[in-house]
């Protein structure tokens, strides 16, 4: 799948994978077979336990508007948000800065 920031006309990811299985959700980017851009449907928060690199995190509302940003989240950290939002993107570090993505931007996922 592809993720485009409609507000800024920039591409955030071209290899996005929706993590449906328990194993994908638990391992995320630790699973070598997963691409570097992942989408989760969760309200529980994210972690970077056992990871070796920083990541960017975007939390979206039901209309795919960015409501929270986690930029350069370091390994062995936890990231939480208001549980009323349940769509989360894990992206390579630097994606948010490079695409100038901000709270309020609308993303298109196709």
Protein backbone atom coordinates (compact mmCIF):
# COMPACT_ATOMS: atom_id res chain seq x y z
CA UNK A 1 0.00 0.00 0.00
CA UNK A 2 1.00 3.61 -0.43
CA UNK A 3 0.61 6.53 2.00
CA UNK A 4 0.38 10.08 0.63
CA UNK A 5 0.16 13.24 2.70
CA UNK A 6 -2.70 14.90 0.82
CA UNK A 7 -2.16 18.18 2.68
CA UNK A 8 1.52 18.46 1.69
CA UNK A 9 1.46 16.42 -1.55
CA UNK A 10 4.29 14.16 -0.33
CA UNK A 11 4.70 10.37 -0.25
CA UNK A 12 5.32 8.85 3.18
CA UNK A 13 5.51 5.19 2.15
CA UNK A 14 5.18 2.99 -0.93
CA UNK A 15 5.48 -0.37 0.86
CA UNK A 16 3.03 -0.03 3.76
CA UNK A 17 1.76 -3.28 5.27
CA UNK A 18 -1.35 -3.66 7.43
CA UNK A 19 -0.43 -5.83 10.42
CA UNK A 20 -3.37 -8.16 11.07
CA UNK A 21 -1.81 -11.24 12.59
CA UNK A 22 -0.90 -11.47 16.27
CA UNK A 23 2.70 -12.21 15.30
CA UNK A 24 2.92 -9.13 13.05
CA UNK A 25 1.38 -6.94 15.73
CA UNK A 26 3.69 -8.25 18.43
CA UNK A 27 6.91 -8.21 16.41
CA UNK A 28 6.23 -5.30 14.03
CA UNK A 29 9.52 -4.06 12.58
CA UNK A 30 11.47 -6.76 14.44
CA UNK A 31 10.06 -9.28 11.96
CA UNK A 32 12.57 -9.32 9.11
CA UNK A 33 9.94 -10.25 6.50
CA UNK A 34 7.97 -7.05 7.21
CA UNK A 35 8.58 -3.90 5.17
CA UNK A 36 9.89 -0.78 6.97
CA UNK A 37 6.43 0.88 6.98
CA UNK A 38 3.63 -0.72 8.99
CA UNK A 39 0.03 0.11 9.88
CA UNK A 40 -1.61 -1.12 13.08
CA UNK A 41 -5.17 -0.95 14.34
CA UNK A 42 -4.64 -0.62 18.07
CA UNK A 43 -5.57 1.62 20.98
CA UNK A 44 -3.06 0.15 23.41
CA UNK A 45 0.08 2.12 22.54
CA UNK A 46 3.31 1.13 20.80
CA UNK A 47 6.72 0.01 22.00
CA UNK A 48 10.21 -0.11 20.55
CA UNK A 49 11.50 -2.84 22.84
CA UNK A 50 14.43 -4.80 21.37
CA UNK A 51 14.62 -2.52 18.33
CA UNK A 52 18.00 -1.28 17.17
CA UNK A 53 16.93 1.88 15.35
CA UNK A 54 14.67 4.88 15.92
CA UNK A 55 11.28 5.08 14.23
CA UNK A 56 8.62 7.68 13.47
CA UNK A 57 5.01 7.10 14.56
CA UNK A 58 1.82 8.77 13.32
CA UNK A 59 -1.57 8.33 15.00
CA UNK A 60 -4.61 8.94 12.78
CA UNK A 61 -8.30 9.55 13.44
CA UNK A 62 -11.15 7.89 11.52
CA UNK A 63 -10.74 10.31 8.59
CA UNK A 64 -6.95 9.64 8.40
CA UNK A 65 -6.09 13.02 9.88
CA UNK A 66 -2.85 13.08 11.90
CA UNK A 67 -3.69 13.61 15.59
CA UNK A 68 -0.37 12.71 17.25
CA UNK A 69 3.24 12.50 16.11
CA UNK A 70 6.14 10.58 17.56
CA UNK A 71 9.34 11.62 15.86
CA UNK A 72 12.57 9.62 16.21
CA UNK A 73 11.28 7.33 18.96
CA UNK A 74 14.34 5.62 20.40
CA UNK A 75 14.66 1.88 21.10
CA UNK A 76 13.20 0.51 24.34
CA UNK A 77 10.58 3.25 24.67
CA UNK A 78 6.79 3.31 24.94
CA UNK A 79 4.50 5.66 22.99
CA UNK A 80 0.92 6.30 24.10
CA UNK A 81 -1.98 8.41 22.81
CA UNK A 82 -5.66 9.01 23.50
CA UNK A 83 -7.28 5.55 23.10
CA UNK A 84 -10.16 6.96 21.06
CA UNK A 85 -7.74 6.87 18.10
CA UNK A 86 -6.89 3.44 16.77
CA UNK A 87 -4.94 3.71 13.52
CA UNK A 88 -1.15 3.94 13.80
CA UNK A 89 1.65 4.11 11.24
CA UNK A 90 5.22 3.02 12.04
CA UNK A 91 7.62 4.62 9.58
CA UNK A 92 11.38 4.83 9.13
CA UNK A 93 13.08 7.55 11.15
CA UNK A 94 13.14 10.86 9.31
CA UNK A 95 9.93 10.29 7.33
CA UNK A 96 7.98 12.91 9.30
CA UNK A 97 10.70 15.53 8.96
CA UNK A 98 11.39 14.78 5.28
CA UNK A 99 7.71 14.99 4.32
CA UNK A 100 6.98 17.92 6.69
CA UNK A 101 4.01 16.00 8.10
CA UNK A 102 2.21 17.86 10.90
CA UNK A 103 -0.78 17.38 13.19
CA UNK A 104 -3.90 18.11 11.14
CA UNK A 105 -2.52 16.80 7.84
CA UNK A 106 -4.79 14.34 6.02
CA UNK A 107 -3.26 11.13 4.67
CA UNK A 108 -4.50 8.95 1.82
CA UNK A 109 -3.83 5.23 2.19
CA UNK A 110 -4.32 3.17 -0.95
